[in-house]
């Protein structure tokens, strides 16, 4: 019995020792786990703090981005409005541009038609002027012939007068011859006067035709888009008129001034003898 009691006490002592060992081990393990947990908690807390700071930064950036987005949206709306307005203006300008092109084309066509008609009119005036100049030259030739004939008649009359002074027997015959010559001279003078009148009319016609032709040139000068500009055309005509010399047989002096005005002066030639004027 005593042995059993001693064994029982011994077993209890061993049990306490084992329990104490297990308790110590458990405490050590728990302490280790607690230390690791504290370190992990500290690490997690630092990570959480770091993430919270990052979140705050992201929230700030988000707010900034939202503000920028609002500004950009406003600018986009303004730009869109401006773009639409610009597109509208561009469309209007394009329409006006093509309208102006059409109007310009129509105007050019009208100008071309007017220029064509004026070219024909100038050609007709040139023909009339050439005809008048030819007639004037013919009249000049006739006037020269009449001047020569009248000079011959004057010489014949003077000759008969001298013969009348020295010859009494042929006086009646010479008087009749003298009267005949005087009558022929009078007829020649009448023809001379008629030709002078016709020549004056031809000169007036030349002046009118030349003035009309110059006027058509001046009118054509104002249509600068289809032909050479009027200013340069007038300058060219002025230079040509200044560079040309008037020939002795010319019928007209034509001067085109720089201001576009035209001065036309007929040259008085082949004056009749004895101071007779047309």
Foldseek 3Di string as FASTA:
>chain_A
DVVVVVVVVVVVVVVVVVVVVVVVVVVVVVVVVVVVVVVVVVVVVVVVVVVVVVVVVVVVVVVVVVVVVVVVVVVVVVVVVVVVVVVVVVVVVVVVVVVVVVVVVVVLVVLVVVVVVLVVVLVVLVVLLVVLLVLLVVLLVVLVVLLVVLVVLVVLLVVLVVVCVVDDVCNVVSVVVNVVSVVVSVVSVVVNVVSLVVSVVSLVSNVVSVVVSLVSLQVNQVPCVNHPHNLVVLVVVQVVLVPDDDDPSDQWRWHQDNVGDIDIDGDDDSAHPPPDHD
